[in-house]
Structure formats: C-alpha cells, structure tokens
Amino acid sequence: MTGAFPPQTTSNLAPSPVRWRIAGGAVSLAEPVVMGILNLTPDSFSDGGELPTVEAVLRRAEQMVRDGAGVLDVGGESTRPGAPLIDAAEELHRVLPAIEVLSERIGVPISIDTRKARVAEAALAAGAQVVNDVSALSFEPDLADVVARSGAGIVLMHMRGTPQDMKERVHYDDLIEDVASELELAVERALERGIAREQIVIDPGIGFAKTWRQSLALIAKLPRLVRLGFPVLVGPSRKSFLGEVLGVPPKERVVGTATACVLAYQAGARLFRVHDVAPVAQALAVAHAVATESTS
C-alpha cells in the first residue's frame, strides 16, 4: 500500500499523482483503485437495507476485497436526492460497529462516508483511514480539523446545496469550469485548515446537482479536473444518468457503470466508487493493461 511509483501517462493524459496519503500509510495509484460501497442505510437509492447486521457487512466486504476492491467506503446516511438529514448519533449507531470489525478483519483501508465532524472523528478512532465528504467541507467546516489532526485521506466531492435541494441547483454558466473553480475553493478550505495536498482527492460529484446530461459531460471533460493536480475519484455506480441512457433500473446498470468507469479512467480518473466491484475491477484491469502497453 505504500511506496513510490512512476507517473501513469498516455499520449493524451497528464501525469496523475502516484500516491494518496491516508492515516497510517498511503494508497498507490499506479493502477486503478476500486472503492467498494457499503451502505448501512435503510433508504439508499439502490441498496438500502441490504446490510442489516455487522455479519452481513463483513461478508459483503470480504467478497468485495476478493473481487478487487482496494478501499471500502462505509456510509450511514443516504445522500440520494431528497434524502432526509439524520443526526450524528443515529449515523454513528449505524456505522461504528461495522468499522470496528472491518478495521480488524479486512486488509484494505476503510473510508467513512460522512459530512459530520463527530462521525468522522469516531470512525477514524475506530480504524477508518479516509473521510469521504460529499459536501467538500461545506456542511461542517470543523471536519477539516479532524482530518488535519488525524492525517486521514479526504475526498472532496463537488455538490451544490444539500441532498434535499440539489436538484434545483443545476444551472452552470460553464459546467466544467464552474465545477473546477468550486473544487479549487474546496481545496483552499482544506489547505487553510491544515490538510496537506497529499491527503486530498477530488470528485466531480456525478449526479449531485447535475442533470443526467451534465453527468455525461463531466466524464467527457474530466481531463480539465485532472489538471488541477489531485487524484480524481468518480462515482457513477448505478446512477440515474445511466438509467436515462440505458432505460433500465439501478441494479441492471452494471455494464453501464463499468463502461463509465473505463471512460473516466481513460480521461485520467484513478479511483472508482462502485457497488459492483468484480465487473468494474475486471474492466479497469483491461483498460490499464492496454494503457500500459501503449506507453511501452
């Protein structure tokens, strides 16, 4: 998980950062990294209620690691459009027992998907090494201090508003430039609170305050965000933009998800947050092998 690697380049990609610093170590980005989604929520858009016990979470996590996950992302609050806000106590009740077990039994880094400083601090103390914040430190700015103190990795995702009102905030003067500028502001917030550049990953927020066409455009124009100089994570998994293209329900969007991930990889993304780890990991392995041969 640690070490130095040469930059990955192709004829049409800028060099990507080769390591992501997280609490207690680093994640190599020399190859695509799949982040497996573990939603411990009753109301997530495609898998709510599927993991009701710690034992079920552990079984799913073990399978994801066998399938090729390099990070596991544990979430206790749904951020689907219109999802209700829950308090920190309820969120902790959902995620802490699982994180404690996963950190002891699973040999890959654990990420806590939260906007709340209290939840992040407890999760990191329980063994998580990454914080994945869909608000990019805007919901609770003190979350930045938790990350800075712990040395955890941080994912700063682009979103306007909150899950409750983000569907009303989809007007952009220039989609990719506006997203890039707003992510740069999020990075500035992080740096000002003591988070190191090497801890930061950025995420364009596919589906968050974006129409389905805007989500497609973000993937097409992803090299603009890669040029900001941070590793880029994408989360297209099972999302509604795929449904608009394919006309199928969330659990039938596996091939669409894998295709979106490969296209994002070719555009410079290096981390991929998905529900269906095995097909995405296989698709990315082929894409990476082709890219490696093209530069040899």
Protein backbone atom coordinates (compact mmCIF):
# COMPACT_ATOMS: atom_id res chain seq x y z
CA MET A 1 0.00 0.00 0.00
CA THR A 2 2.99 2.28 0.40
CA GLY A 3 5.86 3.23 -1.85
CA ALA A 4 6.81 5.46 -4.78
CA PHE A 5 5.73 4.77 -8.32
CA PRO A 6 6.39 6.49 -11.66
CA PRO A 7 3.53 8.60 -13.02
CA GLN A 8 0.99 6.88 -15.26
CA THR A 9 0.82 8.66 -18.60
CA THR A 10 -0.53 8.09 -22.08
CA SER A 11 -0.28 10.30 -25.12
CA ASN A 12 -3.41 12.23 -24.14
CA LEU A 13 -3.29 12.23 -20.33
CA ALA A 14 -1.44 14.46 -17.93
CA PRO A 15 0.61 12.68 -15.24
CA SER A 16 -1.50 11.72 -12.23
CA PRO A 17 -0.33 11.79 -8.60
CA VAL A 18 1.08 8.37 -7.81
CA ARG A 19 0.18 8.12 -4.12
CA TRP A 20 -2.67 9.19 -1.86
CA ARG A 21 -1.65 9.77 1.72
CA ILE A 22 -4.11 8.40 4.28
CA ALA A 23 -4.00 7.80 8.04
CA GLY A 24 -1.18 5.38 8.73
CA GLY A 25 0.02 4.93 5.17
CA ALA A 26 -0.65 5.62 1.52
CA VAL A 27 -2.66 4.16 -1.35
CA SER A 28 -0.76 3.51 -4.57
CA LEU A 29 -2.41 4.99 -7.65
CA ALA A 30 -0.11 3.23 -10.08
CA GLU A 31 -3.14 1.13 -11.05
CA PRO A 32 -6.88 1.93 -10.88
CA VAL A 33 -8.27 1.71 -7.34
CA VAL A 34 -11.81 0.42 -6.85
CA MET A 35 -13.66 1.70 -3.78
CA GLY A 36 -16.43 -0.69 -2.77
CA ILE A 37 -19.64 0.85 -1.44
CA LEU A 38 -21.03 -0.43 1.87
CA ASN A 39 -24.27 1.45 2.52
CA LEU A 40 -25.57 0.81 6.04
CA THR A 41 -28.74 2.77 5.39
CA PRO A 42 -32.38 1.76 5.05
CA ASP A 43 -33.05 4.23 2.23
CA SER A 44 -30.15 4.40 -0.25
CA PHE A 45 -31.35 4.55 -3.84
CA SER A 46 -30.35 1.07 -4.99
CA ASP A 47 -29.21 -0.98 -2.00
CA GLY A 48 -30.91 0.43 1.09
CA GLY A 49 -31.46 -2.17 3.81
CA GLU A 50 -29.31 -4.86 2.22
CA LEU A 51 -26.76 -4.93 5.07
CA PRO A 52 -28.78 -5.06 8.31
CA THR A 53 -26.11 -6.70 10.51
CA VAL A 54 -22.37 -6.45 11.08
CA GLU A 55 -22.04 -10.04 9.89
CA ALA A 56 -23.70 -9.13 6.58
CA VAL A 57 -21.38 -6.15 6.20
CA LEU A 58 -18.33 -8.32 6.86
CA ARG A 59 -19.41 -10.94 4.31
CA ARG A 60 -20.01 -8.27 1.66
CA ALA A 61 -16.69 -6.60 2.48
CA GLU A 62 -14.75 -9.85 2.24
CA GLN A 63 -16.30 -10.56 -1.16
CA MET A 64 -15.51 -7.06 -2.39
CA VAL A 65 -11.86 -7.46 -1.42
CA ARG A 66 -11.71 -10.83 -3.18
CA ASP A 67 -13.25 -9.14 -6.22
CA GLY A 68 -10.58 -6.44 -6.29
CA ALA A 69 -11.62 -3.57 -4.01
CA GLY A 70 -8.67 -1.53 -2.77
CA VAL A 71 -10.71 0.66 -0.39
CA LEU A 72 -14.10 0.15 1.28
CA ASP A 73 -16.44 3.12 1.79
CA VAL A 74 -18.84 2.79 4.73
CA GLY A 75 -21.82 5.13 4.88
CA GLY A 76 -24.64 5.56 7.35
CA GLU A 77 -26.59 8.43 5.79
CA SER A 78 -28.21 8.34 2.37
CA THR A 79 -27.34 11.28 0.10
CA ARG A 80 -29.77 10.38 -2.69
CA PRO A 81 -31.84 13.33 -3.92
CA GLY A 82 -34.40 14.28 -1.29
CA ALA A 83 -32.92 12.05 1.43
CA PRO A 84 -33.63 13.27 4.98
CA LEU A 85 -30.86 14.51 7.23
CA ILE A 86 -30.13 12.24 10.20
CA ASP A 87 -28.32 13.21 13.37
CA ALA A 88 -24.79 12.18 14.24
CA ALA A 89 -25.90 9.78 16.97
CA GLU A 90 -28.01 7.72 14.54
CA GLU A 91 -25.26 7.76 11.93
CA LEU A 92 -22.71 6.54 14.47
CA HIS A 93 -25.08 3.82 15.64
CA ARG A 94 -25.20 2.52 12.07
CA VAL A 95 -21.51 2.68 11.14
CA LEU A 96 -19.28 2.31 14.20
CA PRO A 97 -19.80 -1.42 14.94
CA ALA A 98 -19.08 -2.24 11.30
CA ILE A 99 -15.97 -0.07 11.10
CA GLU A 100 -14.57 -1.61 14.28
CA VAL A 101 -14.93 -5.11 12.83
CA LEU A 102 -13.78 -4.22 9.33
CA SER A 103 -10.66 -2.45 10.58
CA GLU A 104 -9.66 -5.64 12.44
CA ARG A 105 -10.65 -8.19 9.81
CA ILE A 106 -10.22 -6.54 6.40
CA GLY A 107 -6.80 -5.79 4.96
CA VAL A 108 -7.68 -2.70 2.92
CA PRO A 109 -8.26 0.90 4.02
CA ILE A 110 -11.70 1.86 5.31
CA SER A 111 -13.34 5.14 4.32
CA ILE A 112 -16.14 6.79 6.28
CA ASP A 113 -18.70 8.47 4.03
CA THR A 114 -19.90 11.37 6.17
CA ARG A 115 -20.37 15.15 6.29
CA LYS A 116 -20.18 15.33 10.09
CA ALA A 117 -17.08 16.02 12.19
CA ARG A 118 -18.29 13.96 15.16
CA VAL A 119 -18.95 10.92 12.98
CA ALA A 120 -15.63 11.23 11.18
CA GLU A 121 -13.66 11.58 14.42
CA ALA A 122 -15.25 8.48 15.96
CA ALA A 123 -14.87 6.47 12.76
CA LEU A 124 -11.20 7.36 12.44
CA ALA A 125 -10.64 6.41 16.08
CA ALA A 126 -12.30 3.07 15.31
CA GLY A 127 -9.90 2.35 12.46
CA ALA A 128 -11.07 4.23 9.36
CA GLN A 129 -8.29 5.93 7.39
CA VAL A 130 -10.22 8.09 4.91
CA VAL A 131 -13.09 10.58 5.09
CA ASN A 132 -15.35 10.86 2.05
CA ASP A 133 -17.26 14.16 2.35
CA VAL A 134 -19.93 14.83 -0.27
CA SER A 135 -20.12 18.44 0.92
CA ALA A 136 -16.38 19.13 0.43
CA LEU A 137 -16.12 20.57 3.97
CA SER A 138 -19.01 23.00 3.50
CA PHE A 139 -21.59 21.21 5.68
CA GLU A 140 -19.43 21.14 8.82
CA PRO A 141 -16.18 23.07 8.27
CA ASP A 142 -14.76 21.67 11.54
CA LEU A 143 -14.50 18.32 9.77
CA ALA A 144 -11.33 19.74 8.21
CA ASP A 145 -9.70 19.97 11.64
CA VAL A 146 -10.49 16.30 12.31
CA VAL A 147 -8.87 15.30 9.03
CA ALA A 148 -5.84 17.52 9.59
CA ARG A 149 -5.21 16.14 13.10
CA SER A 150 -5.60 12.52 12.04
CA GLY A 151 -3.68 12.63 8.77
CA ALA A 152 -6.60 10.86 7.10
CA GLY A 153 -7.20 10.94 3.39
CA ILE A 154 -10.05 13.21 2.34
CA VAL A 155 -12.34 13.05 -0.70
CA LEU A 156 -13.72 16.47 -1.59
CA MET A 157 -16.80 16.00 -3.75
CA HIS A 158 -18.48 18.72 -5.76
CA MET A 159 -22.09 19.36 -4.85
CA ARG A 160 -24.24 22.46 -4.68
CA GLY A 161 -26.70 22.78 -1.82
CA THR A 162 -27.70 19.61 0.01
CA PRO A 163 -29.32 16.32 -0.99
CA GLN A 164 -32.63 17.95 -0.10
CA ASP A 165 -32.34 20.78 -2.65
CA MET A 166 -29.50 19.91 -5.04
CA LYS A 167 -31.86 19.08 -7.93
CA GLU A 168 -32.78 22.78 -8.00
CA ARG A 169 -29.13 23.89 -8.35
CA VAL A 170 -28.19 22.59 -11.76
CA HIS A 171 -27.62 25.85 -13.65
CA TYR A 172 -23.98 26.40 -14.64
CA ASP A 173 -22.56 29.17 -16.81
CA ASP A 174 -19.86 26.71 -17.92
CA LEU A 175 -20.24 23.28 -16.38
CA ILE A 176 -16.65 22.05 -16.28
CA GLU A 177 -15.10 25.44 -15.46
CA ASP A 178 -17.63 26.08 -12.70
CA VAL A 179 -17.06 22.63 -11.19
CA ALA A 180 -13.29 23.11 -11.42
CA SER A 181 -13.47 26.54 -9.75
CA GLU A 182 -15.71 25.31 -6.96
CA LEU A 183 -13.46 22.30 -6.31
CA GLU A 184 -10.48 24.65 -6.17
CA LEU A 185 -12.29 26.64 -3.47
CA ALA A 186 -12.90 23.42 -1.55
CA VAL A 187 -9.20 22.56 -1.80
CA GLU A 188 -8.34 26.03 -0.48
CA ARG A 189 -10.64 25.44 2.51
CA ALA A 190 -8.86 22.19 3.21
CA LEU A 191 -5.36 23.62 2.91
CA GLU A 192 -6.20 26.61 5.11
CA ARG A 193 -7.29 24.25 7.91
CA GLY A 194 -4.03 22.27 7.78
CA ILE A 195 -4.84 19.38 5.45
CA ALA A 196 -1.86 18.50 3.24
CA ARG A 197 -2.18 18.39 -0.55
CA GLU A 198 -1.13 14.73 -0.49
CA GLN A 199 -4.23 13.86 1.58
CA ILE A 200 -6.68 15.29 -0.97
CA VAL A 201 -8.67 13.50 -3.66
CA ILE A 202 -11.29 15.38 -5.69
CA ASP A 203 -14.59 14.05 -7.02
CA PRO A 204 -16.73 15.83 -9.67
CA GLY A 205 -19.93 14.66 -7.99
CA ILE A 206 -21.66 12.82 -10.81
CA GLY A 207 -25.41 13.08 -10.19
CA PHE A 208 -25.08 15.64 -7.38
CA ALA A 209 -26.60 18.94 -8.53
CA LYS A 210 -26.15 17.69 -12.09
CA THR A 211 -28.64 16.71 -14.75
CA TRP A 212 -28.11 13.41 -16.49
CA ARG A 213 -26.59 15.16 -19.50
CA GLN A 214 -24.28 17.17 -17.24
CA SER A 215 -23.13 13.94 -15.61
CA LEU A 216 -22.20 12.56 -19.02
CA ALA A 217 -20.41 15.82 -19.87
CA LEU A 218 -18.36 15.65 -16.67
CA ILE A 219 -16.91 12.30 -17.72
CA ALA A 220 -16.21 13.59 -21.23
CA LYS A 221 -14.45 16.69 -19.87
CA LEU A 222 -12.72 15.07 -16.90
CA PRO A 223 -9.16 15.93 -18.06
CA ARG A 224 -9.89 19.54 -17.04
CA LEU A 225 -10.25 18.39 -13.44
CA VAL A 226 -7.23 16.09 -13.65
CA ARG A 227 -5.18 19.18 -14.50
CA LEU A 228 -5.94 20.58 -11.03
CA GLY A 229 -3.20 18.23 -9.85
CA PHE A 230 -5.09 15.96 -7.44
CA PRO A 231 -6.14 12.34 -7.83
CA VAL A 232 -9.68 12.17 -9.21
CA LEU A 233 -12.35 9.80 -7.90
CA VAL A 234 -15.57 9.17 -9.82
CA GLY A 235 -18.78 7.60 -8.55
CA PRO A 236 -21.04 6.69 -11.48
CA SER A 237 -22.33 3.49 -9.94
CA ARG A 238 -25.92 2.62 -10.89
CA LYS A 239 -26.83 6.31 -11.10
CA SER A 240 -29.79 7.87 -12.87
CA PHE A 241 -27.76 9.23 -15.80
CA LEU A 242 -27.10 5.61 -16.75
CA GLY A 243 -30.79 4.89 -16.43
CA GLU A 244 -31.57 7.72 -18.83
CA VAL A 245 -29.17 6.28 -21.39
CA LEU A 246 -29.97 2.60 -20.90
CA GLY A 247 -33.60 2.62 -19.80
CA VAL A 248 -33.02 0.03 -17.06
CA PRO A 249 -33.41 0.08 -13.24
CA PRO A 250 -30.42 0.63 -10.90
CA LYS A 251 -29.37 -2.99 -10.39
CA GLU A 252 -29.28 -3.58 -14.14
CA ARG A 253 -26.78 -0.76 -14.75
CA VAL A 254 -23.66 -2.82 -14.07
CA VAL A 255 -22.34 -2.78 -17.64
CA GLY A 256 -23.11 0.93 -17.89
CA THR A 257 -21.25 1.55 -14.65
CA ALA A 258 -18.19 -0.37 -15.84
CA THR A 259 -18.22 1.48 -19.16
CA ALA A 260 -18.40 4.85 -17.41
CA CYS A 261 -15.50 3.86 -15.16
CA VAL A 262 -13.32 2.82 -18.10
CA LEU A 263 -14.06 6.08 -19.92
CA ALA A 264 -13.26 8.03 -16.75
CA TYR A 265 -10.01 6.07 -16.34
CA GLN A 266 -9.01 6.93 -19.89
CA ALA A 267 -9.75 10.58 -19.07
CA GLY A 268 -7.48 10.49 -16.02
CA ALA A 269 -9.54 9.28 -13.03
CA ARG A 270 -7.74 6.86 -10.73
CA LEU A 271 -10.32 5.93 -8.07
CA PHE A 272 -13.75 4.44 -8.74
CA ARG A 273 -16.52 4.19 -6.13
CA VAL A 274 -18.93 1.39 -7.09
CA HIS A 275 -21.41 -1.17 -5.80
CA ASP A 276 -20.45 -3.95 -8.23
CA VAL A 277 -16.74 -4.43 -7.64
CA ALA A 278 -15.90 -7.52 -9.72
CA PRO A 279 -17.06 -6.36 -13.18
CA VAL A 280 -15.65 -2.87 -12.67
CA ALA A 281 -12.30 -4.17 -11.41
CA GLN A 282 -12.03 -6.51 -14.40
CA ALA A 283 -12.94 -3.80 -16.90
CA LEU A 284 -10.42 -1.42 -15.38
CA ALA A 285 -7.72 -4.09 -15.33
CA VAL A 286 -8.10 -4.49 -19.08
CA ALA A 287 -8.14 -0.72 -19.64
CA HIS A 288 -5.00 -0.36 -17.54
CA ALA A 289 -3.22 -3.18 -19.35
CA VAL A 290 -3.99 -1.57 -22.72
CA ALA A 291 -2.82 1.82 -21.46
CA THR A 292 0.41 0.31 -20.12
CA GLU A 293 1.15 -1.40 -23.46
CA SER A 294 0.53 1.85 -25.33
CA THR A 295 3.37 3.52 -23.41
CA SER A 296 5.84 0.61 -23.51
